[in-house]
PDB file of N, CA and C in Angstrom:
ATOM      1  N   MET A   1      -4.564 -11.821   1.599  1.00  0.00           N
ATOM      2  CA  MET A   1      -3.182 -11.582   2.033  1.00  0.00           C
ATOM      3  C   MET A   1      -2.856 -10.112   1.760  1.00  0.00           C
ATOM      4  N   ASN A   2      -2.213  -9.455   2.741  1.00  0.00           N
ATOM      5  CA  ASN A   2      -1.910  -8.049   2.510  1.00  0.00           C
ATOM      6  C   ASN A   2      -0.744  -7.901   1.521  1.00  0.00           C
ATOM      7  N   GLN A   3      -0.622  -6.707   0.978  1.00  0.00           N
ATOM      8  CA  GLN A   3       0.334  -6.459  -0.110  1.00  0.00           C
ATOM      9  C   GLN A   3       1.778  -6.734   0.305  1.00  0.00           C
ATOM     10  N   SER A   4       2.195  -6.256   1.474  1.00  0.00           N
ATOM     11  CA  SER A   4       3.593  -6.438   1.864  1.00  0.00           C
ATOM     12  C   SER A   4       3.919  -7.909   2.094  1.00  0.00           C
ATOM     13  N   LYS A   5       2.976  -8.666   2.656  1.00  0.00           N
ATOM     14  CA  LYS A   5       3.183 -10.107   2.831  1.00  0.00           C
ATOM     15  C   LYS A   5       3.326 -10.792   1.473  1.00  0.00           C
ATOM     16  N   GLU A   6       2.469 -10.414   0.539  1.00  0.00           N
ATOM     17  CA  GLU A   6       2.520 -10.996  -0.811  1.00  0.00           C
ATOM     18  C   GLU A   6       3.852 -10.667  -1.489  1.00  0.00           C
ATOM     19  N   MET A   7       4.299  -9.427  -1.347  1.00  0.00           N
ATOM     20  CA  MET A   7       5.577  -9.030  -1.941  1.00  0.00           C
ATOM     21  C   MET A   7       6.732  -9.824  -1.330  1.00  0.00           C
ATOM     22  N   ALA A   8       6.722  -9.968  -0.015  1.00  0.00           N
ATOM     23  CA  ALA A   8       7.779 -10.722   0.663  1.00  0.00           C
ATOM     24  C   ALA A   8       7.770 -12.184   0.222  1.00  0.00           C
ATOM     25  N   ARG A   9       6.573 -12.745   0.055  1.00  0.00           N
ATOM     26  CA  ARG A   9       6.467 -14.141  -0.394  1.00  0.00           C
ATOM     27  C   ARG A   9       7.040 -14.308  -1.796  1.00  0.00           C
ATOM     28  N   ILE A  10       6.724 -13.388  -2.697  1.00  0.00           N
ATOM     29  CA  ILE A  10       7.240 -13.439  -4.071  1.00  0.00           C
ATOM     30  C   ILE A  10       8.765 -13.302  -4.068  1.00  0.00           C
ATOM     31  N   ALA A  11       9.286 -12.370  -3.273  1.00  0.00           N
ATOM     32  CA  ALA A  11      10.734 -12.170  -3.203  1.00  0.00           C
ATOM     33  C   ALA A  11      11.421 -13.422  -2.662  1.00  0.00           C
ATOM     34  N   TRP A  12      10.856 -14.006  -1.602  1.00  0.00           N
ATOM     35  CA  TRP A  12      11.435 -15.230  -1.026  1.00  0.00           C
ATOM     36  C   TRP A  12      11.483 -16.332  -2.087  1.00  0.00           C
ATOM     37  N   GLN A  13      10.385 -16.510  -2.810  1.00  0.00           N
ATOM     38  CA  GLN A  13      10.318 -17.559  -3.826  1.00  0.00           C
ATOM     39  C   GLN A  13      11.332 -17.301  -4.945  1.00  0.00           C
ATOM     40  N   ALA A  14      11.467 -16.045  -5.356  1.00  0.00           N
ATOM     41  CA  ALA A  14      12.428 -15.698  -6.412  1.00  0.00           C
ATOM     42  C   ALA A  14      13.858 -16.008  -5.964  1.00  0.00           C
ATOM     43  N   LEU A  15      14.175 -15.713  -4.710  1.00  0.00           N
ATOM     44  CA  LEU A  15      15.506 -16.024  -4.177  1.00  0.00           C
ATOM     45  C   LEU A  15      15.709 -17.531  -4.074  1.00  0.00           C
ATOM     46  N   SER A  16      14.699 -18.217  -3.623  1.00  0.00           N
ATOM     47  CA  SER A  16      14.766 -19.673  -3.478  1.00  0.00           C
ATOM     48  C   SER A  16      14.941 -20.352  -4.835  1.00  0.00           C
ATOM     49  N   ASP A  17      14.234 -19.857  -5.849  1.00  0.00           N
ATOM     50  CA  ASP A  17      14.306 -20.441  -7.198  1.00  0.00           C
ATOM     51  C   ASP A  17      15.717 -20.384  -7.775  1.00  0.00           C
ATOM     52  N   LYS A  18      16.489 -19.381  -7.376  1.00  0.00           N
ATOM     53  CA  LYS A  18      17.868 -19.226  -7.873  1.00  0.00           C
ATOM     54  C   LYS A  18      18.898 -19.706  -6.841  1.00  0.00           C
ATOM     55  N   LYS A  19      18.418 -20.508  -5.891  1.00  0.00           N
ATOM     56  CA  LYS A  19      19.289 -21.145  -4.890  1.00  0.00           C
ATOM     57  C   LYS A  19      19.992 -20.138  -3.972  1.00  0.00           C
ATOM     58  N   GLY A  20      19.277 -19.063  -3.614  1.00  0.00           N
ATOM     59  CA  GLY A  20      19.802 -18.130  -2.623  1.00  0.00           C
ATOM     60  C   GLY A  20      20.018 -18.865  -1.308  1.00  0.00           C
ATOM     61  N   GLU A  21      21.050 -18.489  -0.599  1.00  0.00           N
ATOM     62  CA  GLU A  21      21.397 -19.178   0.641  1.00  0.00           C
ATOM     63  C   GLU A  21      20.918 -18.413   1.866  1.00  0.00           C
ATOM     64  N   ASP A  22      20.503 -19.174   2.892  1.00  0.00           N
ATOM     65  CA  ASP A  22      20.124 -18.635   4.195  1.00  0.00           C
ATOM     66  C   ASP A  22      19.179 -17.439   4.056  1.00  0.00           C
ATOM     67  N   ILE A  23      18.055 -17.652   3.384  1.00  0.00           N
ATOM     68  CA  ILE A  23      17.081 -16.582   3.165  1.00  0.00           C
ATOM     69  C   ILE A  23      16.366 -16.282   4.485  1.00  0.00           C
ATOM     70  N   GLN A  24      16.485 -15.050   4.937  1.00  0.00           N
ATOM     71  CA  GLN A  24      15.861 -14.613   6.189  1.00  0.00           C
ATOM     72  C   GLN A  24      14.796 -13.569   5.882  1.00  0.00           C
ATOM     73  N   ILE A  25      13.670 -13.687   6.565  1.00  0.00           N
ATOM     74  CA  ILE A  25      12.599 -12.696   6.459  1.00  0.00           C
ATOM     75  C   ILE A  25      12.443 -12.074   7.842  1.00  0.00           C
ATOM     76  N   ILE A  26      12.602 -10.764   7.918  1.00  0.00           N
ATOM     77  CA  ILE A  26      12.499 -10.074   9.200  1.00  0.00           C
ATOM     78  C   ILE A  26      11.342  -9.083   9.125  1.00  0.00           C
ATOM     79  N   ASP A  27      10.367  -9.271   9.998  1.00  0.00           N
ATOM     80  CA  ASP A  27       9.219  -8.370  10.103  1.00  0.00           C
ATOM     81  C   ASP A  27       9.664  -7.177  10.950  1.00  0.00           C
ATOM     82  N   ILE A  28       9.718  -5.995  10.328  1.00  0.00           N
ATOM     83  CA  ILE A  28      10.165  -4.798  11.041  1.00  0.00           C
ATOM     84  C   ILE A  28       9.035  -3.775  11.207  1.00  0.00           C
ATOM     85  N   THR A  29       7.789  -4.235  11.056  1.00  0.00           N
ATOM     86  CA  THR A  29       6.655  -3.300  11.116  1.00  0.00           C
ATOM     87  C   THR A  29       6.587  -2.542  12.428  1.00  0.00           C
ATOM     88  N   GLY A  30       6.920  -3.193  13.542  1.00  0.00           N
ATOM     89  CA  GLY A  30       6.798  -2.538  14.835  1.00  0.00           C
ATOM     90  C   GLY A  30       7.980  -1.673  15.213  1.00  0.00           C
ATOM     91  N   ILE A  31       9.067  -1.727  14.436  1.00  0.00           N
ATOM     92  CA  ILE A  31      10.278  -1.018  14.852  1.00  0.00           C
ATOM     93  C   ILE A  31      10.815  -0.019  13.834  1.00  0.00           C
ATOM     94  N   SER A  32      10.220   0.023  12.639  1.00  0.00           N
ATOM     95  CA  SER A  32      10.737   0.938  11.628  1.00  0.00           C
ATOM     96  C   SER A  32       9.640   1.379  10.668  1.00  0.00           C
ATOM     97  N   VAL A  33       9.783   2.587  10.155  1.00  0.00           N
ATOM     98  CA  VAL A  33       8.870   3.073   9.124  1.00  0.00           C
ATOM     99  C   VAL A  33       9.458   2.861   7.729  1.00  0.00           C
ATOM    100  N   LEU A  34      10.682   2.293   7.659  1.00  0.00           N
ATOM    101  CA  LEU A  34      11.334   2.074   6.362  1.00  0.00           C
ATOM    102  C   LEU A  34      10.541   1.131   5.471  1.00  0.00           C
ATOM    103  N   ALA A  35      10.060   0.047   6.063  1.00  0.00           N
ATOM    104  CA  ALA A  35       9.364  -0.995   5.300  1.00  0.00           C
ATOM    105  C   ALA A  35       8.673  -1.917   6.302  1.00  0.00           C
ATOM    106  N   ASP A  36       7.937  -2.893   5.776  1.00  0.00           N
ATOM    107  CA  ASP A  36       7.324  -3.904   6.637  1.00  0.00           C
ATOM    108  C   ASP A  36       8.244  -5.113   6.826  1.00  0.00           C
ATOM    109  N   TYR A  37       8.997  -5.447   5.759  1.00  0.00           N
ATOM    110  CA  TYR A  37       9.854  -6.637   5.811  1.00  0.00           C
ATOM    111  C   TYR A  37      11.213  -6.353   5.196  1.00  0.00           C
ATOM    112  N   PHE A  38      12.233  -6.928   5.802  1.00  0.00           N
ATOM    113  CA  PHE A  38      13.557  -7.057   5.198  1.00  0.00           C
ATOM    114  C   PHE A  38      13.690  -8.508   4.792  1.00  0.00           C
ATOM    115  N   ILE A  39      14.145  -8.750   3.581  1.00  0.00           N
ATOM    116  CA  ILE A  39      14.471 -10.098   3.134  1.00  0.00           C
ATOM    117  C   ILE A  39      15.963 -10.081   2.835  1.00  0.00           C
ATOM    118  N   ILE A  40      16.701 -10.995   3.453  1.00  0.00           N
ATOM    119  CA  ILE A  40      18.155 -11.027   3.336  1.00  0.00           C
ATOM    120  C   ILE A  40      18.565 -12.398   2.828  1.00  0.00           C
ATOM    121  N   ALA A  41      19.458 -12.407   1.835  1.00  0.00           N
ATOM    122  CA  ALA A  41      19.970 -13.673   1.300  1.00  0.00           C
ATOM    123  C   ALA A  41      21.380 -13.443   0.792  1.00  0.00           C
ATOM    124  N   ASN A  42      22.069 -14.542   0.514  1.00  0.00           N
ATOM    125  CA  ASN A  42      23.377 -14.405  -0.111  1.00  0.00           C
ATOM    126  C   ASN A  42      23.558 -15.437  -1.210  1.00  0.00           C
ATOM    127  N   GLY A  43      24.465 -15.095  -2.116  1.00  0.00           N
ATOM    128  CA  GLY A  43      24.885 -15.993  -3.179  1.00  0.00           C
ATOM    129  C   GLY A  43      26.332 -16.369  -2.972  1.00  0.00           C
ATOM    130  N   ASN A  44      26.797 -17.336  -3.761  1.00  0.00           N
ATOM    131  CA  ASN A  44      28.166 -17.833  -3.629  1.00  0.00           C
ATOM    132  C   ASN A  44      29.194 -17.005  -4.394  1.00  0.00           C
ATOM    133  N   ASN A  45      28.728 -16.270  -5.420  1.00  0.00           N
ATOM    134  CA  ASN A  45      29.658 -15.503  -6.250  1.00  0.00           C
ATOM    135  C   ASN A  45      28.899 -14.364  -6.924  1.00  0.00           C
ATOM    136  N   ASP A  46      29.633 -13.506  -7.623  1.00  0.00           N
ATOM    137  CA  ASP A  46      29.011 -12.339  -8.262  1.00  0.00           C
ATOM    138  C   ASP A  46      27.909 -12.726  -9.243  1.00  0.00           C
ATOM    139  N   SER A  47      28.143 -13.802  -9.994  1.00  0.00           N
ATOM    140  CA  SER A  47      27.136 -14.239 -10.977  1.00  0.00           C
ATOM    141  C   SER A  47      25.837 -14.652 -10.291  1.00  0.00           C
ATOM    142  N   GLN A  48      25.955 -15.377  -9.180  1.00  0.00           N
ATOM    143  CA  GLN A  48      24.746 -15.794  -8.485  1.00  0.00           C
ATOM    144  C   GLN A  48      24.054 -14.599  -7.827  1.00  0.00           C
ATOM    145  N   VAL A  49      24.819 -13.681  -7.258  1.00  0.00           N
ATOM    146  CA  VAL A  49      24.219 -12.477  -6.679  1.00  0.00           C
ATOM    147  C   VAL A  49      23.417 -11.738  -7.756  1.00  0.00           C
ATOM    148  N   SER A  50      23.996 -11.582  -8.939  1.00  0.00           N
ATOM    149  CA  SER A  50      23.284 -10.921 -10.047  1.00  0.00           C
ATOM    150  C   SER A  50      22.026 -11.682 -10.439  1.00  0.00           C
ATOM    151  N   ALA A  51      22.113 -13.006 -10.504  1.00  0.00           N
ATOM    152  CA  ALA A  51      20.947 -13.824 -10.870  1.00  0.00           C
ATOM    153  C   ALA A  51      19.845 -13.704  -9.819  1.00  0.00           C
ATOM    154  N   LEU A  52      20.222 -13.676  -8.555  1.00  0.00           N
ATOM    155  CA  LEU A  52      19.233 -13.520  -7.478  1.00  0.00           C
ATOM    156  C   LEU A  52      18.527 -12.174  -7.590  1.00  0.00           C
ATOM    157  N   VAL A  53      19.303 -11.115  -7.763  1.00  0.00           N
ATOM    158  CA  VAL A  53      18.744  -9.767  -7.879  1.00  0.00           C
ATOM    159  C   VAL A  53      17.818  -9.665  -9.090  1.00  0.00           C
ATOM    160  N   ASP A  54      18.285 -10.146 -10.228  1.00  0.00           N
ATOM    161  CA  ASP A  54      17.473 -10.078 -11.452  1.00  0.00           C
ATOM    162  C   ASP A  54      16.158 -10.830 -11.290  1.00  0.00           C
ATOM    163  N   ASN A  55      16.202 -12.001 -10.648  1.00  0.00           N
ATOM    164  CA  ASN A  55      14.983 -12.795 -10.503  1.00  0.00           C
ATOM    165  C   ASN A  55      13.987 -12.125  -9.562  1.00  0.00           C
ATOM    166  N   VAL A  56      14.473 -11.526  -8.477  1.00  0.00           N
ATOM    167  CA  VAL A  56      13.571 -10.802  -7.569  1.00  0.00           C
ATOM    168  C   VAL A  56      12.912  -9.644  -8.318  1.00  0.00           C
ATOM    169  N   GLU A  57      13.717  -8.865  -9.030  1.00  0.00           N
ATOM    170  CA  GLU A  57      13.161  -7.739  -9.795  1.00  0.00           C
ATOM    171  C   GLU A  57      12.127  -8.217 -10.808  1.00  0.00           C
ATOM    172  N   ASP A  58      12.463  -9.266 -11.558  1.00  0.00           N
ATOM    173  CA  ASP A  58      11.563  -9.780 -12.600  1.00  0.00           C
ATOM    174  C   ASP A  58      10.242 -10.276 -12.016  1.00  0.00           C
ATOM    175  N   GLU A  59      10.331 -11.078 -10.958  1.00  0.00           N
ATOM    176  CA  GLU A  59       9.116 -11.685 -10.398  1.00  0.00           C
ATOM    177  C   GLU A  59       8.207 -10.638  -9.752  1.00  0.00           C
ATOM    178  N   LEU A  60       8.783  -9.685  -9.049  1.00  0.00           N
ATOM    179  CA  LEU A  60       7.946  -8.645  -8.453  1.00  0.00           C
ATOM    180  C   LEU A  60       7.360  -7.729  -9.531  1.00  0.00           C
ATOM    181  N   HIS A  61       8.144  -7.437 -10.569  1.00  0.00           N
ATOM    182  CA  HIS A  61       7.636  -6.623 -11.679  1.00  0.00           C
ATOM    183  C   HIS A  61       6.462  -7.322 -12.368  1.00  0.00           C
ATOM    184  N   LYS A  62       6.597  -8.626 -12.616  1.00  0.00           N
ATOM    185  CA  LYS A  62       5.518  -9.405 -13.255  1.00  0.00           C
ATOM    186  C   LYS A  62       4.239  -9.374 -12.425  1.00  0.00           C
ATOM    187  N   SER A  63       4.397  -9.237 -11.105  1.00  0.00           N
ATOM    188  CA  SER A  63       3.242  -9.205 -10.207  1.00  0.00           C
ATOM    189  C   SER A  63       2.715  -7.791  -9.994  1.00  0.00           C
ATOM    190  N   GLY A  64       3.314  -6.815 -10.704  1.00  0.00           N
ATOM    191  CA  GLY A  64       2.803  -5.457 -10.660  1.00  0.00           C
ATOM    192  C   GLY A  64       3.417  -4.554  -9.612  1.00  0.00           C
ATOM    193  N   TYR A  65       4.532  -4.984  -9.019  1.00  0.00           N
ATOM    194  CA  TYR A  65       5.176  -4.164  -7.989  1.00  0.00           C
ATOM    195  C   TYR A  65       6.366  -3.422  -8.582  1.00  0.00           C
ATOM    196  N   GLU A  66       6.469  -2.164  -8.225  1.00  0.00           N
ATOM    197  CA  GLU A  66       7.468  -1.281  -8.819  1.00  0.00           C
ATOM    198  C   GLU A  66       8.689  -1.140  -7.917  1.00  0.00           C
ATOM    199  N   LEU A  67       9.858  -1.279  -8.504  1.00  0.00           N
ATOM    200  CA  LEU A  67      11.113  -1.036  -7.791  1.00  0.00           C
ATOM    201  C   LEU A  67      11.255   0.459  -7.575  1.00  0.00           C
ATOM    202  N   LYS A  68      11.391   0.869  -6.320  1.00  0.00           N
ATOM    203  CA  LYS A  68      11.515   2.294  -5.998  1.00  0.00           C
ATOM    204  C   LYS A  68      12.967   2.756  -6.108  1.00  0.00           C
ATOM    205  N   GLN A  69      13.886   1.910  -5.620  1.00  0.00           N
ATOM    206  CA  GLN A  69      15.290   2.289  -5.644  1.00  0.00           C
ATOM    207  C   GLN A  69      16.154   1.035  -5.590  1.00  0.00           C
ATOM    208  N   ARG A  70      17.299   1.130  -6.262  1.00  0.00           N
ATOM    209  CA  ARG A  70      18.267   0.033  -6.259  1.00  0.00           C
ATOM    210  C   ARG A  70      19.634   0.621  -5.915  1.00  0.00           C
ATOM    211  N   GLU A  71      20.298   0.006  -4.954  1.00  0.00           N
ATOM    212  CA  GLU A  71      21.661   0.393  -4.591  1.00  0.00           C
ATOM    213  C   GLU A  71      22.561  -0.785  -4.909  1.00  0.00           C
ATOM    214  N   GLY A  72      23.620  -0.540  -5.640  1.00  0.00           N
ATOM    215  CA  GLY A  72      24.505  -1.618  -6.065  1.00  0.00           C
ATOM    216  C   GLY A  72      24.094  -2.114  -7.435  1.00  0.00           C
ATOM    217  N   ARG A  73      25.007  -2.736  -8.117  1.00  0.00           N
ATOM    218  CA  ARG A  73      24.764  -3.251  -9.471  1.00  0.00           C
ATOM    219  C   ARG A  73      25.232  -4.685  -9.553  1.00  0.00           C
ATOM    220  N   GLY A  74      24.963  -5.311 -10.688  1.00  0.00           N
ATOM    221  CA  GLY A  74      25.478  -6.656 -10.918  1.00  0.00           C
ATOM    222  C   GLY A  74      26.983  -6.646 -10.709  1.00  0.00           C
ATOM    223  N   GLY A  75      27.487  -7.662 -10.056  1.00  0.00           N
ATOM    224  CA  GLY A  75      28.908  -7.702  -9.749  1.00  0.00           C
ATOM    225  C   GLY A  75      29.227  -7.052  -8.415  1.00  0.00           C
ATOM    226  N   SER A  76      28.217  -6.457  -7.761  1.00  0.00           N
ATOM    227  CA  SER A  76      28.426  -5.863  -6.447  1.00  0.00           C
ATOM    228  C   SER A  76      28.404  -6.944  -5.375  1.00  0.00           C
ATOM    229  N   SER A  77      29.011  -6.629  -4.243  1.00  0.00           N
ATOM    230  CA  SER A  77      29.015  -7.573  -3.138  1.00  0.00           C
ATOM    231  C   SER A  77      27.772  -7.420  -2.266  1.00  0.00           C
ATOM    232  N   TRP A  78      26.991  -6.335  -2.494  1.00  0.00           N
ATOM    233  CA  TRP A  78      25.757  -6.100  -1.752  1.00  0.00           C
ATOM    234  C   TRP A  78      24.849  -5.290  -2.652  1.00  0.00           C
ATOM    235  N   VAL A  79      23.657  -5.810  -2.918  1.00  0.00           N
ATOM    236  CA  VAL A  79      22.652  -5.086  -3.698  1.00  0.00           C
ATOM    237  C   VAL A  79      21.406  -4.946  -2.833  1.00  0.00           C
ATOM    238  N   LEU A  80      20.887  -3.731  -2.774  1.00  0.00           N
ATOM    239  CA  LEU A  80      19.673  -3.451  -2.024  1.00  0.00           C
ATOM    240  C   LEU A  80      18.576  -3.104  -3.025  1.00  0.00           C
ATOM    241  N   LEU A  81      17.443  -3.767  -2.889  1.00  0.00           N
ATOM    242  CA  LEU A  81      16.276  -3.496  -3.729  1.00  0.00           C
ATOM    243  C   LEU A  81      15.163  -2.976  -2.826  1.00  0.00           C
ATOM    244  N   ASP A  82      14.732  -1.743  -3.053  1.00  0.00           N
ATOM    245  CA  ASP A  82      13.692  -1.126  -2.239  1.00  0.00           C
ATOM    246  C   ASP A  82      12.394  -1.101  -3.042  1.00  0.00           C
ATOM    247  N   PHE A  83      11.433  -1.891  -2.576  1.00  0.00           N
ATOM    248  CA  PHE A  83      10.124  -1.936  -3.217  1.00  0.00           C
ATOM    249  C   PHE A  83       9.072  -1.209  -2.378  1.00  0.00           C
ATOM    250  N   GLY A  84       9.516  -0.373  -1.448  1.00  0.00           N
ATOM    251  CA  GLY A  84       8.575   0.362  -0.597  1.00  0.00           C
ATOM    252  C   GLY A  84       8.191  -0.440   0.626  1.00  0.00           C
ATOM    253  N   ASP A  85       7.305  -1.411   0.455  1.00  0.00           N
ATOM    254  CA  ASP A  85       6.841  -2.220   1.586  1.00  0.00           C
ATOM    255  C   ASP A  85       7.857  -3.272   2.019  1.00  0.00           C
ATOM    256  N   ILE A  86       8.738  -3.655   1.101  1.00  0.00           N
ATOM    257  CA  ILE A  86       9.790  -4.620   1.438  1.00  0.00           C
ATOM    258  C   ILE A  86      11.128  -4.099   0.917  1.00  0.00           C
ATOM    259  N   ILE A  87      12.190  -4.496   1.607  1.00  0.00           N
ATOM    260  CA  ILE A  87      13.543  -4.192   1.155  1.00  0.00           C
ATOM    261  C   ILE A  87      14.285  -5.517   1.094  1.00  0.00           C
ATOM    262  N   VAL A  88      14.873  -5.786  -0.062  1.00  0.00           N
ATOM    263  CA  VAL A  88      15.598  -7.036  -0.275  1.00  0.00           C
ATOM    264  C   VAL A  88      17.096  -6.726  -0.313  1.00  0.00           C
ATOM    265  N   HIS A  89      17.852  -7.456   0.504  1.00  0.00           N
ATOM    266  CA  HIS A  89      19.306  -7.327   0.542  1.00  0.00           C
ATOM    267  C   HIS A  89      19.903  -8.628   0.016  1.00  0.00           C
ATOM    268  N   VAL A  90      20.735  -8.524  -1.016  1.00  0.00           N
ATOM    269  CA  VAL A  90      21.428  -9.704  -1.547  1.00  0.00           C
ATOM    270  C   VAL A  90      22.930  -9.441  -1.447  1.00  0.00           C
ATOM    271  N   PHE A  91      23.608 -10.338  -0.754  1.00  0.00           N
ATOM    272  CA  PHE A  91      25.039 -10.198  -0.486  1.00  0.00           C
ATOM    273  C   PHE A  91      25.820 -11.348  -1.103  1.00  0.00           C
ATOM    274  N   ASP A  92      27.149 -11.157  -1.189  1.00  0.00           N
ATOM    275  CA  ASP A  92      28.020 -12.319  -1.295  1.00  0.00           C
ATOM    276  C   ASP A  92      28.256 -12.774   0.149  1.00  0.00           C
ATOM    277  N   LYS A  93      28.781 -13.982   0.327  1.00  0.00           N
ATOM    278  CA  LYS A  93      28.905 -14.539   1.687  1.00  0.00           C
ATOM    279  C   LYS A  93      29.738 -13.671   2.619  1.00  0.00           C
ATOM    280  N   GLU A  94      30.877 -13.229   2.153  1.00  0.00           N
ATOM    281  CA  GLU A  94      31.808 -12.475   2.992  1.00  0.00           C
ATOM    282  C   GLU A  94      31.185 -11.187   3.513  1.00  0.00           C
ATOM    283  N   ASN A  95      30.535 -10.432   2.641  1.00  0.00           N
ATOM    284  CA  ASN A  95      29.944  -9.165   3.054  1.00  0.00           C
ATOM    285  C   ASN A  95      28.703  -9.350   3.912  1.00  0.00           C
ATOM    286  N   ARG A  96      27.975 -10.434   3.707  1.00  0.00           N
ATOM    287  CA  ARG A  96      26.835 -10.691   4.581  1.00  0.00           C
ATOM    288  C   ARG A  96      27.320 -10.884   6.020  1.00  0.00           C
ATOM    289  N   LEU A  97      28.369 -11.652   6.183  1.00  0.00           N
ATOM    290  CA  LEU A  97      28.925 -11.856   7.523  1.00  0.00           C
ATOM    291  C   LEU A  97      29.450 -10.543   8.098  1.00  0.00           C
ATOM    292  N   PHE A  98      30.098  -9.745   7.266  1.00  0.00           N
ATOM    293  CA  PHE A  98      30.684  -8.488   7.720  1.00  0.00           C
ATOM    294  C   PHE A  98      29.614  -7.499   8.190  1.00  0.00           C
ATOM    295  N   TYR A  99      28.578  -7.292   7.387  1.00  0.00           N
ATOM    296  CA  TYR A  99      27.556  -6.296   7.717  1.00  0.00           C
ATOM    297  C   TYR A  99      26.544  -6.796   8.741  1.00  0.00           C
ATOM    298  N   ASP A 100      26.292  -8.095   8.783  1.00  0.00           N
ATOM    299  CA  ASP A 100      25.471  -8.741   9.814  1.00  0.00           C
ATOM    300  C   ASP A 100      24.168  -7.980  10.094  1.00  0.00           C
ATOM    301  N   LEU A 101      23.371  -7.780   9.046  1.00  0.00           N
ATOM    302  CA  LEU A 101      22.110  -7.054   9.210  1.00  0.00           C
ATOM    303  C   LEU A 101      21.162  -7.726  10.192  1.00  0.00           C
ATOM    304  N   GLU A 102      21.232  -9.050  10.284  1.00  0.00           N
ATOM    305  CA  GLU A 102      20.356  -9.754  11.221  1.00  0.00           C
ATOM    306  C   GLU A 102      20.610  -9.275  12.652  1.00  0.00           C
ATOM    307  N   ARG A 103      21.859  -8.996  12.995  1.00  0.00           N
ATOM    308  CA  ARG A 103      22.182  -8.506  14.339  1.00  0.00           C
ATOM    309  C   ARG A 103      21.658  -7.079  14.506  1.00  0.00           C
ATOM    310  N   ILE A 104      21.854  -6.254  13.490  1.00  0.00           N
ATOM    311  CA  ILE A 104      21.416  -4.856  13.556  1.00  0.00           C
ATOM    312  C   ILE A 104      19.895  -4.774  13.734  1.00  0.00           C
ATOM    313  N   TRP A 105      19.166  -5.666  13.071  1.00  0.00           N
ATOM    314  CA  TRP A 105      17.703  -5.652  13.111  1.00  0.00           C
ATOM    315  C   TRP A 105      17.146  -6.740  14.022  1.00  0.00           C
ATOM    316  N   LYS A 106      17.897  -7.091  15.073  1.00  0.00           N
ATOM    317  CA  LYS A 106      17.491  -8.192  15.957  1.00  0.00           C
ATOM    318  C   LYS A 106      16.179  -7.908  16.688  1.00  0.00           C
ATOM    319  N   ASP A 107      15.773  -6.640  16.769  1.00  0.00           N
ATOM    320  CA  ASP A 107      14.502  -6.315  17.404  1.00  0.00           C
ATOM    321  C   ASP A 107      13.308  -6.671  16.517  1.00  0.00           C
ATOM    322  N   GLY A 108      13.581  -6.912  15.233  1.00  0.00           N
ATOM    323  CA  GLY A 108      12.527  -7.374  14.335  1.00  0.00           C
ATOM    324  C   GLY A 108      12.209  -8.826  14.618  1.00  0.00           C
ATOM    325  N   LYS A 109      11.128  -9.324  14.034  1.00  0.00           N
ATOM    326  CA  LYS A 109      10.706 -10.703  14.256  1.00  0.00           C
ATOM    327  C   LYS A 109      11.055 -11.541  13.030  1.00  0.00           C
ATOM    328  N   ASN A 110      11.897 -12.549  13.233  1.00  0.00           N
ATOM    329  CA  ASN A 110      12.181 -13.474  12.138  1.00  0.00           C
ATOM    330  C   ASN A 110      10.938 -14.309  11.886  1.00  0.00           C
ATOM    331  N   ILE A 111      10.546 -14.371  10.624  1.00  0.00           N
ATOM    332  CA  ILE A 111       9.372 -15.172  10.297  1.00  0.00           C
ATOM    333  C   ILE A 111       9.724 -16.168   9.199  1.00  0.00           C
ATOM    334  N   THR A 112       8.903 -17.191   9.093  1.00  0.00           N
ATOM    335  CA  THR A 112       9.121 -18.247   8.102  1.00  0.00           C
ATOM    336  C   THR A 112       8.257 -17.992   6.873  1.00  0.00           C
ATOM    337  N   ILE A 113       8.599 -18.681   5.809  1.00  0.00           N
ATOM    338  CA  ILE A 113       7.787 -18.580   4.593  1.00  0.00           C
ATOM    339  C   ILE A 113       6.369 -19.078   4.866  1.00  0.00           C
ATOM    340  N   GLU A 114       6.241 -20.062   5.738  1.00  0.00           N
ATOM    341  CA  GLU A 114       4.919 -20.576   6.070  1.00  0.00           C
ATOM    342  C   GLU A 114       4.054 -19.501   6.735  1.00  0.00           C
ATOM    343  N   GLU A 115       4.679 -18.680   7.589  1.00  0.00           N
ATOM    344  CA  GLU A 115       3.939 -17.588   8.223  1.00  0.00           C
ATOM    345  C   GLU A 115       3.504 -16.545   7.195  1.00  0.00           C
ATOM    346  N   LEU A 116       4.324 -16.323   6.168  1.00  0.00           N
ATOM    347  CA  LEU A 116       3.963 -15.377   5.116  1.00  0.00           C
ATOM    348  C   LEU A 116       2.791 -15.884   4.295  1.00  0.00           C
ATOM    349  N   GLU A 117       2.706 -17.196   4.157  1.00  0.00           N
ATOM    350  CA  GLU A 117       1.654 -17.771   3.322  1.00  0.00           C
ATOM    351  C   GLU A 117       0.308 -17.860   4.029  1.00  0.00           C
ATOM    352  N   GLU A 118       0.308 -17.641   5.354  1.00  0.00           N
ATOM    353  CA  GLU A 118      -0.958 -17.655   6.096  1.00  0.00           C
ATOM    354  C   GLU A 118      -1.803 -16.457   5.683  1.00  0.00           C
ATOM    355  N   LYS A 119      -3.069 -16.674   5.613  1.00  0.00           N
ATOM    356  CA  LYS A 119      -3.994 -15.597   5.217  1.00  0.00           C
ATOM    357  C   LYS A 119      -4.199 -14.630   6.349  1.00  0.00           C
TER     358      LYS A 119
END
């Protein structure tokens, strides 16, 4: 499995473990040099958003992947985690609807966790 797929799989699992809602994986390899995947999820409140962010950081760190940049802090309505090959966006519900990243990146390919797990 290539590195970016593995990172996206770990991030998805970390979000799922903390009950992240509507987790979307968007393959942007053909349309952007920013990263290979965007992973987008939301929590119900500030505490859950913080828990989701912390778990993604912890799980990717344990697997040897380094956080390059973080925008937003605990208690924020939108936190962006840039791991180089993947970018994870964690929102509260209201801001996810407002910013609608899925629409902005509609040229990317939505993929499932099962597709990420394929060798």
